[in-house]
Structures are given as structure tokens and as C-alpha cells.
Amino acid sequence: MKLTKKFAGIFLITFLISCSTLSAQKILVRTDQGDIRLELYPEKAPITCKNFLRYVDEKKYDGAIFYRVVRMNNQPDKKVKIEVIQGGLQNDTTGNFLPIAHESTNITKIKHQNGTLSMARTIPGSATSEFFICINDQPELDFSGKRNPDRQGFAAFGKVISGMNVVQKIQRGETGEGEKMQSLKQPVKIISMSRIN
């Protein structure tokens, strides 16, 4: 009886440690403009986090870039304006894994607030490697938001816990004109992404 209780206690401790590790996953993003630290929420957005971590663990983001910045003054054709920076593999689709199911904010309860990490997509269920970080609160990116005609919002799955100054610096970068008004003239290199304690 005592032995059974001992094993039950060990199992419980192991389970709690694994759960705390699952719910506290942190990522270090080293860029040529400075470091950004992220915290993911796998207990709320398991599909999206697993996908992102696969890119991280297989070093797909090492050498990738932040290439798109959206500011209030560079989206003249949009009635609903947002503020984000976007990164990923961009045009190198050979590095992409299969698209993942869409975890909308009405399911995960993760809102697009200042510093929120989320997946870029076209239609729901098309997200692969491209991600973005919000600057200021962006409720129109949540489920039922008006930024996207399908009103399904985007899949938020984490947040910036340090380095928002770097995010803001990237957003202020010089962009092109016309169709390239949201494209950085000098994309910011992601030197590496890795899990941290």
C-alpha cells in the first residue's frame, strides 16, 4: 500500500512538471536588431504551438526574416487598419510543412493584444510558417473581427515577454512605395530561434 502511494506521488510530480513545462514554453528570437523573447500557450492553442515549435526545432527559422511591417500610414486601401510586423520564410515555400487547422480566438481565448504572437494566413486552415506580432491591441484580428472578410480572425498562440522595443524598431523600418509600401527595404534577419527555460 505504501509502495503504491509512493509511485502515485512520483507519477503526480512527474505529471505536474510536464504540464508546467508544456504551459511555460519560451522562445529566444535572435535578430540583427536585437533579441525578442516569446512565451507560447500550448495548453490553449496546441495545434498552432506544435506547428511553430516544429519550425523552431528543425531550424527552419534560422536565417529567415522579418520582411513586412504594417503601420497606420501604409495601408491606404484598408478601412480597418492594424499594426503588426510579419516574419517567416516568405517566398521559400520549399521549407514549409503542411498547413494546419485554424485555432480561432473564440476557441483559444487568446486575444490579439499588444505583443501577441499569431499566425498569418489566407483562408482558414492555410497557416504554415508565416507569423506576426501585434503592436498595440488589435481586436479586429480576433474572431468576428472586420480585418478579414471571413470574420474568422487569426490564430494567436503566444506573446512577447521581452524585446517589444525591438519589435517597434522593426516596425519603424524604411519601406518601399506602391505595392511594396509594407515591405522592408532592408529585411531584418532572424539569426536563430531556440527554446529556452
N, C-alpha and C. Protein backbone atom coordinates (compact mmCIF):
# COMPACT_ATOMS: atom_id res chain seq x y z
N MET A 1 0.83 -1.21 0.00
CA MET A 1 0.00 0.00 0.00
C MET A 1 0.86 1.26 0.00
N LYS A 2 1.90 1.24 0.87
CA LYS A 2 2.80 2.39 0.94
C LYS A 2 3.55 2.58 -0.37
N LEU A 3 3.94 1.44 -0.97
CA LEU A 3 4.66 1.47 -2.25
C LEU A 3 3.80 2.07 -3.35
N THR A 4 2.51 1.68 -3.37
CA THR A 4 1.57 2.20 -4.36
C THR A 4 1.41 3.71 -4.20
N LYS A 5 1.30 4.19 -2.99
CA LYS A 5 1.17 5.63 -2.73
C LYS A 5 2.43 6.36 -3.17
N LYS A 6 3.58 5.71 -2.95
CA LYS A 6 4.85 6.33 -3.35
C LYS A 6 4.90 6.51 -4.86
N PHE A 7 4.54 5.44 -5.60
CA PHE A 7 4.54 5.53 -7.06
C PHE A 7 3.51 6.54 -7.56
N ALA A 8 2.37 6.59 -6.88
CA ALA A 8 1.33 7.57 -7.25
C ALA A 8 1.85 8.98 -7.06
N GLY A 9 2.60 9.18 -5.97
CA GLY A 9 3.18 10.50 -5.70
C GLY A 9 4.20 10.88 -6.74
N ILE A 10 5.06 9.93 -7.11
CA ILE A 10 6.07 10.19 -8.15
C ILE A 10 5.41 10.51 -9.48
N PHE A 11 4.37 9.73 -9.82
CA PHE A 11 3.64 9.97 -11.06
C PHE A 11 3.03 11.37 -11.08
N LEU A 12 2.43 11.78 -9.95
CA LEU A 12 1.80 13.10 -9.86
C LEU A 12 2.82 14.21 -10.04
N ILE A 13 3.97 14.07 -9.39
CA ILE A 13 5.03 15.09 -9.51
C ILE A 13 5.52 15.19 -10.95
N THR A 14 5.75 14.02 -11.57
CA THR A 14 6.20 13.99 -12.97
C THR A 14 5.17 14.63 -13.89
N PHE A 15 3.91 14.32 -13.65
CA PHE A 15 2.82 14.88 -14.46
C PHE A 15 2.77 16.40 -14.32
N LEU A 16 2.88 16.89 -13.10
CA LEU A 16 2.82 18.34 -12.86
C LEU A 16 4.00 19.05 -13.50
N ILE A 17 5.17 18.44 -13.43
CA ILE A 17 6.35 19.05 -14.06
C ILE A 17 6.17 19.12 -15.56
N SER A 18 5.67 18.02 -16.16
CA SER A 18 5.46 18.02 -17.61
C SER A 18 4.42 19.03 -18.02
N CYS A 19 3.37 19.20 -17.21
CA CYS A 19 2.33 20.19 -17.51
C CYS A 19 2.88 21.60 -17.43
N SER A 20 3.69 21.86 -16.40
CA SER A 20 4.24 23.21 -16.24
C SER A 20 5.20 23.53 -17.38
N THR A 21 5.95 22.50 -17.85
CA THR A 21 6.84 22.69 -18.99
C THR A 21 6.02 22.99 -20.24
N LEU A 22 4.92 22.26 -20.41
CA LEU A 22 4.05 22.45 -21.57
C LEU A 22 3.47 23.85 -21.60
N SER A 23 3.09 24.36 -20.44
CA SER A 23 2.39 25.64 -20.40
C SER A 23 3.32 26.83 -20.28
N ALA A 24 4.64 26.59 -20.20
CA ALA A 24 5.56 27.70 -20.00
C ALA A 24 6.67 27.70 -21.04
N GLN A 25 6.35 27.30 -22.27
CA GLN A 25 7.37 27.21 -23.31
C GLN A 25 7.81 28.60 -23.76
N LYS A 26 9.09 28.86 -23.70
CA LYS A 26 9.64 30.15 -24.09
C LYS A 26 10.61 29.99 -25.26
N ILE A 27 10.66 31.01 -26.09
CA ILE A 27 11.49 31.00 -27.30
C ILE A 27 12.34 32.26 -27.34
N LEU A 28 13.62 32.10 -27.66
CA LEU A 28 14.51 33.24 -27.88
C LEU A 28 14.65 33.45 -29.38
N VAL A 29 14.30 34.65 -29.83
CA VAL A 29 14.44 35.05 -31.24
C VAL A 29 15.60 36.03 -31.31
N ARG A 30 16.70 35.60 -31.88
CA ARG A 30 17.86 36.48 -32.05
C ARG A 30 17.80 37.10 -33.44
N THR A 31 17.76 38.43 -33.50
CA THR A 31 17.73 39.12 -34.80
C THR A 31 18.93 40.06 -34.88
N ASP A 32 19.18 40.58 -36.08
CA ASP A 32 20.30 41.52 -36.22
C ASP A 32 19.94 42.91 -35.70
N GLN A 33 18.73 43.06 -35.13
CA GLN A 33 18.32 44.31 -34.49
C GLN A 33 18.17 44.16 -32.98
N GLY A 34 18.40 42.94 -32.47
CA GLY A 34 18.25 42.69 -31.04
C GLY A 34 17.43 41.44 -30.78
N ASP A 35 17.33 41.07 -29.52
CA ASP A 35 16.64 39.84 -29.13
C ASP A 35 15.18 40.09 -28.76
N ILE A 36 14.35 39.10 -29.07
CA ILE A 36 12.92 39.09 -28.69
C ILE A 36 12.68 37.76 -27.99
N ARG A 37 12.03 37.81 -26.85
CA ARG A 37 11.67 36.58 -26.14
C ARG A 37 10.16 36.38 -26.20
N LEU A 38 9.78 35.16 -26.52
CA LEU A 38 8.37 34.82 -26.69
C LEU A 38 7.95 33.79 -25.65
N GLU A 39 6.69 33.82 -25.28
CA GLU A 39 6.10 32.77 -24.47
C GLU A 39 4.92 32.20 -25.26
N LEU A 40 4.89 30.87 -25.40
CA LEU A 40 3.81 30.21 -26.13
C LEU A 40 2.79 29.63 -25.17
N TYR A 41 1.56 29.39 -25.69
CA TYR A 41 0.47 28.86 -24.88
C TYR A 41 -0.03 27.53 -25.46
N PRO A 42 0.79 26.46 -25.35
CA PRO A 42 0.38 25.17 -25.94
C PRO A 42 -0.86 24.57 -25.31
N GLU A 43 -1.17 24.95 -24.07
CA GLU A 43 -2.37 24.40 -23.44
C GLU A 43 -3.63 25.04 -24.01
N LYS A 44 -3.50 26.23 -24.61
CA LYS A 44 -4.66 26.92 -25.20
C LYS A 44 -4.72 26.76 -26.71
N ALA A 45 -3.57 26.72 -27.34
CA ALA A 45 -3.50 26.61 -28.81
C ALA A 45 -2.52 25.49 -29.19
N PRO A 46 -2.86 24.25 -28.88
CA PRO A 46 -1.91 23.14 -29.08
C PRO A 46 -1.48 22.90 -30.52
N ILE A 47 -2.39 23.02 -31.47
CA ILE A 47 -2.06 22.76 -32.87
C ILE A 47 -1.09 23.82 -33.39
N THR A 48 -1.40 25.06 -33.12
CA THR A 48 -0.57 26.17 -33.61
C THR A 48 0.80 26.17 -32.96
N CYS A 49 0.85 25.92 -31.65
CA CYS A 49 2.14 25.89 -30.95
C CYS A 49 3.01 24.73 -31.44
N LYS A 50 2.40 23.56 -31.62
CA LYS A 50 3.16 22.40 -32.11
C LYS A 50 3.76 22.70 -33.48
N ASN A 51 2.99 23.34 -34.34
CA ASN A 51 3.47 23.71 -35.66
C ASN A 51 4.65 24.68 -35.57
N PHE A 52 4.50 25.73 -34.78
CA PHE A 52 5.55 26.74 -34.64
C PHE A 52 6.82 26.11 -34.07
N LEU A 53 6.67 25.29 -33.04
CA LEU A 53 7.82 24.65 -32.40
C LEU A 53 8.53 23.69 -33.35
N ARG A 54 7.79 23.10 -34.27
CA ARG A 54 8.42 22.23 -35.26
C ARG A 54 9.37 23.03 -36.15
N TYR A 55 8.92 24.21 -36.57
CA TYR A 55 9.80 25.09 -37.37
C TYR A 55 11.01 25.51 -36.56
N VAL A 56 10.79 25.83 -35.27
CA VAL A 56 11.89 26.24 -34.40
C VAL A 56 12.88 25.08 -34.23
N ASP A 57 12.39 23.91 -33.85
CA ASP A 57 13.25 22.77 -33.55
C ASP A 57 14.02 22.27 -34.77
N GLU A 58 13.42 22.39 -35.94
CA GLU A 58 14.10 21.95 -37.16
C GLU A 58 14.89 23.07 -37.82
N LYS A 59 15.05 24.18 -37.09
CA LYS A 59 15.90 25.31 -37.50
C LYS A 59 15.44 25.97 -38.80
N LYS A 60 14.16 25.85 -39.11
CA LYS A 60 13.63 26.46 -40.32
C LYS A 60 13.67 27.99 -40.26
N TYR A 61 13.55 28.54 -39.04
CA TYR A 61 13.53 29.99 -38.91
C TYR A 61 14.93 30.61 -38.83
N ASP A 62 15.96 29.78 -38.66
CA ASP A 62 17.33 30.30 -38.61
C ASP A 62 17.69 30.82 -40.00
N GLY A 63 17.93 32.12 -40.11
CA GLY A 63 18.20 32.73 -41.40
C GLY A 63 16.96 33.27 -42.09
N ALA A 64 15.78 33.10 -41.46
CA ALA A 64 14.55 33.69 -42.01
C ALA A 64 14.57 35.21 -41.75
N ILE A 65 13.48 35.89 -42.07
CA ILE A 65 13.48 37.36 -41.96
C ILE A 65 12.12 37.90 -41.49
N PHE A 66 12.19 39.09 -40.89
CA PHE A 66 11.02 39.94 -40.76
C PHE A 66 11.03 40.83 -42.00
N TYR A 67 9.99 40.76 -42.79
CA TYR A 67 10.00 41.42 -44.09
C TYR A 67 8.83 42.38 -44.31
N ARG A 68 7.79 42.28 -43.49
CA ARG A 68 6.60 43.11 -43.70
C ARG A 68 6.26 43.86 -42.42
N VAL A 69 6.00 45.15 -42.56
CA VAL A 69 5.57 45.96 -41.42
C VAL A 69 4.31 46.73 -41.80
N VAL A 70 3.34 46.70 -40.93
CA VAL A 70 2.07 47.38 -41.21
C VAL A 70 1.90 48.48 -40.17
N ARG A 71 1.81 49.70 -40.68
CA ARG A 71 1.63 50.88 -39.84
C ARG A 71 0.35 51.59 -40.23
N MET A 72 -0.06 52.53 -39.43
CA MET A 72 -1.29 53.26 -39.73
C MET A 72 -1.21 54.02 -41.05
N ASN A 73 0.01 54.37 -41.47
CA ASN A 73 0.17 55.20 -42.66
C ASN A 73 0.53 54.43 -43.93
N ASN A 74 0.56 53.08 -43.88
CA ASN A 74 0.94 52.37 -45.11
C ASN A 74 -0.08 51.30 -45.52
N GLN A 75 -1.33 51.56 -45.22
CA GLN A 75 -2.42 50.66 -45.65
C GLN A 75 -3.62 51.50 -46.10
N PRO A 76 -3.40 52.36 -47.10
CA PRO A 76 -4.43 53.32 -47.51
C PRO A 76 -5.72 52.70 -48.03
N ASP A 77 -5.65 51.48 -48.56
CA ASP A 77 -6.84 50.84 -49.13
C ASP A 77 -7.65 50.05 -48.11
N LYS A 78 -7.21 50.03 -46.86
CA LYS A 78 -7.89 49.26 -45.82
C LYS A 78 -8.72 50.17 -44.92
N LYS A 79 -10.01 49.86 -44.81
CA LYS A 79 -10.87 50.61 -43.89
C LYS A 79 -10.54 50.26 -42.44
N VAL A 80 -10.24 48.99 -42.22
CA VAL A 80 -9.87 48.52 -40.88
C VAL A 80 -8.36 48.39 -40.84
N LYS A 81 -7.71 49.27 -40.10
CA LYS A 81 -6.25 49.31 -40.07
C LYS A 81 -5.70 48.55 -38.86
N ILE A 82 -4.52 47.98 -39.04
CA ILE A 82 -3.86 47.23 -37.98
C ILE A 82 -2.40 47.66 -37.90
N GLU A 83 -1.71 47.19 -36.85
CA GLU A 83 -0.28 47.44 -36.70
C GLU A 83 0.40 46.14 -36.30
N VAL A 84 1.24 45.61 -37.21
CA VAL A 84 1.95 44.35 -36.95
C VAL A 84 3.29 44.35 -37.68
N ILE A 85 4.17 43.42 -37.27
CA ILE A 85 5.33 43.08 -38.09
C ILE A 85 5.18 41.60 -38.44
N GLN A 86 5.59 41.22 -39.63
CA GLN A 86 5.42 39.84 -40.09
C GLN A 86 6.77 39.25 -40.48
N GLY A 87 6.96 37.99 -40.10
CA GLY A 87 8.19 37.30 -40.44
C GLY A 87 7.94 35.87 -40.84
N GLY A 88 9.02 35.19 -41.24
CA GLY A 88 8.92 33.79 -41.63
C GLY A 88 9.82 33.49 -42.80
N LEU A 89 9.45 32.47 -43.56
CA LEU A 89 10.26 32.03 -44.69
C LEU A 89 9.96 32.81 -45.96
N GLN A 90 8.92 33.62 -45.93
CA GLN A 90 8.46 34.46 -47.03
C GLN A 90 8.22 33.63 -48.29
N ASN A 91 9.05 33.79 -49.31
CA ASN A 91 8.81 33.12 -50.59
C ASN A 91 9.41 31.73 -50.69
N ASP A 92 10.16 31.31 -49.68
CA ASP A 92 10.79 29.99 -49.71
C ASP A 92 9.81 28.93 -49.23
N THR A 93 8.82 28.61 -50.06
CA THR A 93 7.77 27.67 -49.66
C THR A 93 8.29 26.23 -49.60
N THR A 94 9.50 25.98 -50.12
CA THR A 94 10.05 24.62 -50.06
C THR A 94 10.32 24.21 -48.61
N GLY A 95 10.46 25.18 -47.71
CA GLY A 95 10.71 24.87 -46.31
C GLY A 95 9.46 24.70 -45.48
N ASN A 96 8.29 24.87 -46.11
CA ASN A 96 7.04 24.80 -45.36
C ASN A 96 6.59 23.36 -45.11
N PHE A 97 6.00 23.17 -43.92
CA PHE A 97 5.30 21.93 -43.63
C PHE A 97 3.85 22.10 -44.11
N LEU A 98 3.04 21.06 -43.98
CA LEU A 98 1.65 21.14 -44.41
C LEU A 98 0.89 22.17 -43.58
N PRO A 99 -0.10 22.84 -44.17
CA PRO A 99 -0.93 23.80 -43.43
C PRO A 99 -1.62 23.14 -42.24
N ILE A 100 -1.97 23.95 -41.26
CA ILE A 100 -2.58 23.43 -40.03
C ILE A 100 -4.02 23.92 -39.89
N ALA A 101 -4.76 23.22 -39.05
CA ALA A 101 -6.14 23.63 -38.75
C ALA A 101 -6.13 24.98 -38.03
N HIS A 102 -7.16 25.74 -38.26
CA HIS A 102 -7.26 27.10 -37.71
C HIS A 102 -7.82 27.07 -36.28
N GLU A 103 -7.04 27.60 -35.33
CA GLU A 103 -7.49 27.72 -33.94
C GLU A 103 -7.87 29.18 -33.69
N SER A 104 -9.13 29.50 -33.83
CA SER A 104 -9.58 30.89 -33.72
C SER A 104 -9.63 31.34 -32.26
N THR A 105 -9.69 32.63 -32.08
CA THR A 105 -9.64 33.19 -30.73
C THR A 105 -10.88 32.88 -29.90
N ASN A 106 -11.99 32.54 -30.55
CA ASN A 106 -13.18 32.16 -29.77
C ASN A 106 -13.00 30.77 -29.14
N ILE A 107 -12.03 30.01 -29.65
CA ILE A 107 -11.70 28.71 -29.08
C ILE A 107 -10.59 28.85 -28.04
N THR A 108 -9.52 29.55 -28.41
CA THR A 108 -8.34 29.64 -27.54
C THR A 108 -8.47 30.69 -26.44
N LYS A 109 -9.30 31.69 -26.68
CA LYS A 109 -9.47 32.82 -25.74
C LYS A 109 -8.22 33.69 -25.65
N ILE A 110 -7.31 33.56 -26.62
CA ILE A 110 -6.11 34.41 -26.66
C ILE A 110 -6.42 35.59 -27.58
N LYS A 111 -6.48 36.77 -27.04
CA LYS A 111 -6.82 37.95 -27.82
C LYS A 111 -5.58 38.57 -28.46
N HIS A 112 -5.80 39.29 -29.55
CA HIS A 112 -4.72 39.99 -30.22
C HIS A 112 -4.48 41.34 -29.54
N GLN A 113 -3.63 41.28 -28.53
CA GLN A 113 -3.28 42.47 -27.76
C GLN A 113 -1.84 42.88 -28.07
N ASN A 114 -1.39 43.95 -27.46
CA ASN A 114 -0.03 44.42 -27.69
C ASN A 114 0.98 43.30 -27.40
N GLY A 115 1.79 42.95 -28.40
CA GLY A 115 2.80 41.91 -28.22
C GLY A 115 2.34 40.50 -28.54
N THR A 116 1.07 40.33 -28.91
CA THR A 116 0.57 38.97 -29.21
C THR A 116 1.25 38.40 -30.45
N LEU A 117 1.58 37.11 -30.37
CA LEU A 117 2.16 36.35 -31.48
C LEU A 117 1.05 35.55 -32.15
N SER A 118 0.97 35.61 -33.48
CA SER A 118 -0.14 34.97 -34.19
C SER A 118 0.33 34.49 -35.56
N MET A 119 -0.48 33.62 -36.17
CA MET A 119 -0.13 33.07 -37.48
C MET A 119 -0.79 33.85 -38.62
N ALA A 120 0.00 34.12 -39.64
CA ALA A 120 -0.54 34.72 -40.85
C ALA A 120 -1.22 33.62 -41.67
N ARG A 121 -2.18 34.01 -42.48
CA ARG A 121 -2.90 33.03 -43.29
C ARG A 121 -3.61 33.74 -44.43
N THR A 122 -4.14 32.96 -45.37
CA THR A 122 -5.09 33.48 -46.35
C THR A 122 -6.47 33.00 -45.90
N ILE A 123 -6.86 31.80 -46.31
CA ILE A 123 -8.13 31.25 -45.84
C ILE A 123 -7.89 30.47 -44.54
N PRO A 124 -8.94 30.25 -43.72
CA PRO A 124 -8.77 29.44 -42.51
C PRO A 124 -8.23 28.05 -42.84
N GLY A 125 -7.21 27.62 -42.10
CA GLY A 125 -6.61 26.32 -42.36
C GLY A 125 -5.48 26.36 -43.36
N SER A 126 -4.95 27.56 -43.65
CA SER A 126 -3.86 27.69 -44.62
C SER A 126 -2.54 28.11 -43.98
N ALA A 127 -2.50 28.32 -42.66
CA ALA A 127 -1.28 28.79 -41.99
C ALA A 127 -0.18 27.74 -42.07
N THR A 128 1.04 28.22 -42.35
CA THR A 128 2.20 27.33 -42.39
C THR A 128 3.32 27.93 -41.54
N SER A 129 4.21 28.71 -42.16
CA SER A 129 5.40 29.22 -41.46
C SER A 129 5.33 30.71 -41.10
N GLU A 130 4.44 31.46 -41.74
CA GLU A 130 4.46 32.92 -41.55
C GLU A 130 3.72 33.33 -40.28
N PHE A 131 4.31 34.23 -39.53
CA PHE A 131 3.75 34.67 -38.25
C PHE A 131 3.85 36.18 -38.14
N PHE A 132 3.10 36.74 -37.19
CA PHE A 132 3.19 38.19 -36.97
C PHE A 132 3.09 38.50 -35.49
N ILE A 133 3.54 39.71 -35.15
CA ILE A 133 3.49 40.23 -33.78
C ILE A 133 2.71 41.53 -33.80
N CYS A 134 1.75 41.66 -32.90
CA CYS A 134 0.92 42.85 -32.83
C CYS A 134 1.64 43.99 -32.11
N ILE A 135 1.45 45.19 -32.63
CA ILE A 135 1.86 46.41 -31.94
C ILE A 135 0.56 47.11 -31.55
N ASN A 136 0.36 47.28 -30.25
CA ASN A 136 -0.90 47.78 -29.68
C ASN A 136 -2.00 46.72 -29.83
N ASP A 137 -3.10 46.91 -29.15
CA ASP A 137 -4.21 45.94 -29.19
C ASP A 137 -4.86 45.96 -30.57
N GLN A 138 -5.16 44.77 -31.09
CA GLN A 138 -5.73 44.63 -32.43
C GLN A 138 -6.97 43.74 -32.40
N PRO A 139 -8.07 44.21 -31.81
CA PRO A 139 -9.27 43.37 -31.69
C PRO A 139 -9.89 42.97 -33.02
N GLU A 140 -9.61 43.71 -34.09
CA GLU A 140 -10.18 43.35 -35.39
C GLU A 140 -9.51 42.12 -36.01
N LEU A 141 -8.45 41.61 -35.34
CA LEU A 141 -7.81 40.37 -35.78
C LEU A 141 -8.37 39.16 -35.04
N ASP A 142 -9.22 39.41 -34.04
CA ASP A 142 -9.87 38.32 -33.30
C ASP A 142 -11.03 37.74 -34.10
N PHE A 143 -11.55 36.61 -33.63
CA PHE A 143 -12.74 36.03 -34.24
C PHE A 143 -13.87 37.06 -34.28
N SER A 144 -14.55 37.17 -35.39
CA SER A 144 -15.61 38.14 -35.71
C SER A 144 -15.07 39.53 -36.01
N GLY A 145 -13.75 39.71 -35.98
CA GLY A 145 -13.15 40.99 -36.34
C GLY A 145 -13.32 41.30 -37.82
N LYS A 146 -13.23 42.57 -38.17
CA LYS A 146 -13.54 43.01 -39.52
C LYS A 146 -12.35 43.12 -40.47
N ARG A 147 -11.15 42.81 -39.98
CA ARG A 147 -9.98 42.94 -40.86
C ARG A 147 -10.04 41.95 -42.02
N ASN A 148 -10.52 40.74 -41.75
CA ASN A 148 -10.61 39.71 -42.78
C ASN A 148 -12.08 39.47 -43.11
N PRO A 149 -12.43 39.44 -44.40
CA PRO A 149 -13.85 39.26 -44.78
C PRO A 149 -14.52 38.01 -44.22
N ASP A 150 -13.75 36.94 -43.98
CA ASP A 150 -14.38 35.72 -43.47
C ASP A 150 -14.72 35.79 -41.99
N ARG A 151 -14.24 36.83 -41.31
CA ARG A 151 -14.54 37.10 -39.90
C ARG A 151 -14.11 35.97 -38.96
N GLN A 152 -13.18 35.13 -39.39
CA GLN A 152 -12.69 34.03 -38.55
C GLN A 152 -11.47 34.42 -37.72
N GLY A 153 -10.94 35.60 -37.99
CA GLY A 153 -9.79 36.07 -37.24
C GLY A 153 -8.53 35.25 -37.52
N PHE A 154 -7.53 35.47 -36.70
CA PHE A 154 -6.25 34.80 -36.86
C PHE A 154 -5.95 33.97 -35.62
N ALA A 155 -4.99 33.05 -35.75
CA ALA A 155 -4.70 32.10 -34.67
C ALA A 155 -3.58 32.63 -33.77
N ALA A 156 -3.95 33.31 -32.70
CA ALA A 156 -2.99 33.79 -31.70
C ALA A 156 -2.54 32.61 -30.86
N PHE A 157 -1.25 32.59 -30.50
CA PHE A 157 -0.76 31.44 -29.73
C PHE A 157 0.36 31.76 -28.76
N GLY A 158 0.67 33.04 -28.57
CA GLY A 158 1.73 33.41 -27.64
C GLY A 158 1.86 34.91 -27.53
N LYS A 159 2.93 35.36 -26.88
CA LYS A 159 3.14 36.79 -26.72
C LYS A 159 4.62 37.10 -26.52
N VAL A 160 4.99 38.34 -26.76
CA VAL A 160 6.33 38.84 -26.48
C VAL A 160 6.43 39.11 -24.99
N ILE A 161 7.46 38.55 -24.34
CA ILE A 161 7.65 38.83 -22.91
C ILE A 161 8.83 39.76 -22.67
N SER A 162 9.68 39.94 -23.66
CA SER A 162 10.70 40.99 -23.63
C SER A 162 11.16 41.25 -25.05
N GLY A 163 11.54 42.50 -25.30
CA GLY A 163 12.00 42.86 -26.64
C GLY A 163 10.98 43.60 -27.48
N MET A 164 9.93 44.14 -26.85
CA MET A 164 8.96 44.92 -27.65
C MET A 164 9.62 46.16 -28.26
N ASN A 165 10.69 46.64 -27.63
CA ASN A 165 11.43 47.76 -28.22
C ASN A 165 12.03 47.36 -29.56
N VAL A 166 12.45 46.10 -29.68
CA VAL A 166 12.98 45.59 -30.95
C VAL A 166 11.86 45.47 -31.97
N VAL A 167 10.71 44.96 -31.54
CA VAL A 167 9.54 44.85 -32.43
C VAL A 167 9.16 46.23 -32.97
N GLN A 168 9.11 47.22 -32.10
CA GLN A 168 8.75 48.58 -32.52
C GLN A 168 9.80 49.18 -33.45
N LYS A 169 11.06 48.87 -33.19
CA LYS A 169 12.14 49.35 -34.06
C LYS A 169 11.99 48.76 -35.46
N ILE A 170 11.68 47.46 -35.53
CA ILE A 170 11.47 46.81 -36.82
C ILE A 170 10.30 47.46 -37.55
N GLN A 171 9.22 47.75 -36.82
CA GLN A 171 8.05 48.35 -37.45
C GLN A 171 8.35 49.72 -38.04
N ARG A 172 9.30 50.42 -37.46
CA ARG A 172 9.65 51.77 -37.95
C ARG A 172 10.61 51.73 -39.14
N GLY A 173 11.01 50.55 -39.57
CA GLY A 173 11.97 50.44 -40.67
C GLY A 173 11.46 51.05 -41.96
N GLU A 174 12.39 51.46 -42.81
CA GLU A 174 12.04 52.10 -44.09
C GLU A 174 11.43 51.08 -45.05
N THR A 175 10.33 51.47 -45.65
CA THR A 175 9.63 50.59 -46.59
C THR A 175 9.61 51.19 -47.99
N GLY A 176 9.14 50.39 -48.94
CA GLY A 176 9.09 50.83 -50.33
C GLY A 176 7.86 51.68 -50.63
N GLU A 177 7.52 51.75 -51.89
CA GLU A 177 6.37 52.54 -52.34
C GLU A 177 5.43 51.66 -53.15
N GLY A 178 4.20 52.16 -53.33
CA GLY A 178 3.23 51.42 -54.13
C GLY A 178 2.92 50.06 -53.52
N GLU A 179 3.06 49.03 -54.33
CA GLU A 179 2.76 47.68 -53.86
C GLU A 179 3.73 47.20 -52.78
N LYS A 180 4.87 47.89 -52.66
CA LYS A 180 5.88 47.48 -51.67
C LYS A 180 5.90 48.39 -50.45
N MET A 181 4.82 49.13 -50.23
CA MET A 181 4.82 50.08 -49.12
C MET A 181 4.81 49.41 -47.74
N GLN A 182 4.53 48.10 -47.69
CA GLN A 182 4.61 47.37 -46.43
C GLN A 182 5.84 46.47 -46.37
N SER A 183 6.66 46.51 -47.41
CA SER A 183 7.86 45.66 -47.46
C SER A 183 9.09 46.43 -47.00
N LEU A 184 9.82 45.85 -46.06
CA LEU A 184 11.05 46.49 -45.59
C LEU A 184 12.10 46.53 -46.70
N LYS A 185 12.70 47.69 -46.88
CA LYS A 185 13.77 47.79 -47.87
C LYS A 185 14.96 46.93 -47.44
N GLN A 186 15.19 46.88 -46.13
CA GLN A 186 16.23 46.02 -45.58
C GLN A 186 15.58 45.08 -44.57
N PRO A 187 15.15 43.90 -45.01
CA PRO A 187 14.53 42.96 -44.08
C PRO A 187 15.44 42.68 -42.88
N VAL A 188 14.82 42.42 -41.75
CA VAL A 188 15.56 42.15 -40.52
C VAL A 188 15.81 40.65 -40.43
N LYS A 189 17.06 40.27 -40.34
CA LYS A 189 17.43 38.85 -40.33
C LYS A 189 17.15 38.22 -38.97
N ILE A 190 16.51 37.05 -39.01
CA ILE A 190 16.37 36.22 -37.82
C ILE A 190 17.60 35.31 -37.79
N ILE A 191 18.51 35.60 -36.88
CA ILE A 191 19.75 34.83 -36.80
C ILE A 191 19.44 33.40 -36.35
N SER A 192 18.60 33.31 -35.32
CA SER A 192 18.23 31.98 -34.83
C SER A 192 16.98 32.08 -33.95
N MET A 193 16.30 30.94 -33.82
CA MET A 193 15.21 30.78 -32.85
C MET A 193 15.49 29.50 -32.10
N SER A 194 15.31 29.55 -30.78
CA SER A 194 15.55 28.34 -29.98
C SER A 194 14.70 28.36 -28.72
N ARG A 195 14.42 27.18 -28.19
CA ARG A 195 13.71 27.08 -26.93
C ARG A 195 14.64 27.48 -25.79
N ILE A 196 14.07 28.14 -24.79
CA ILE A 196 14.83 28.49 -23.59
C ILE A 196 14.00 28.11 -22.36
N ASN A 197 14.67 28.03 -21.21
CA ASN A 197 13.97 27.70 -19.95
C ASN A 197 13.22 28.91 -19.42
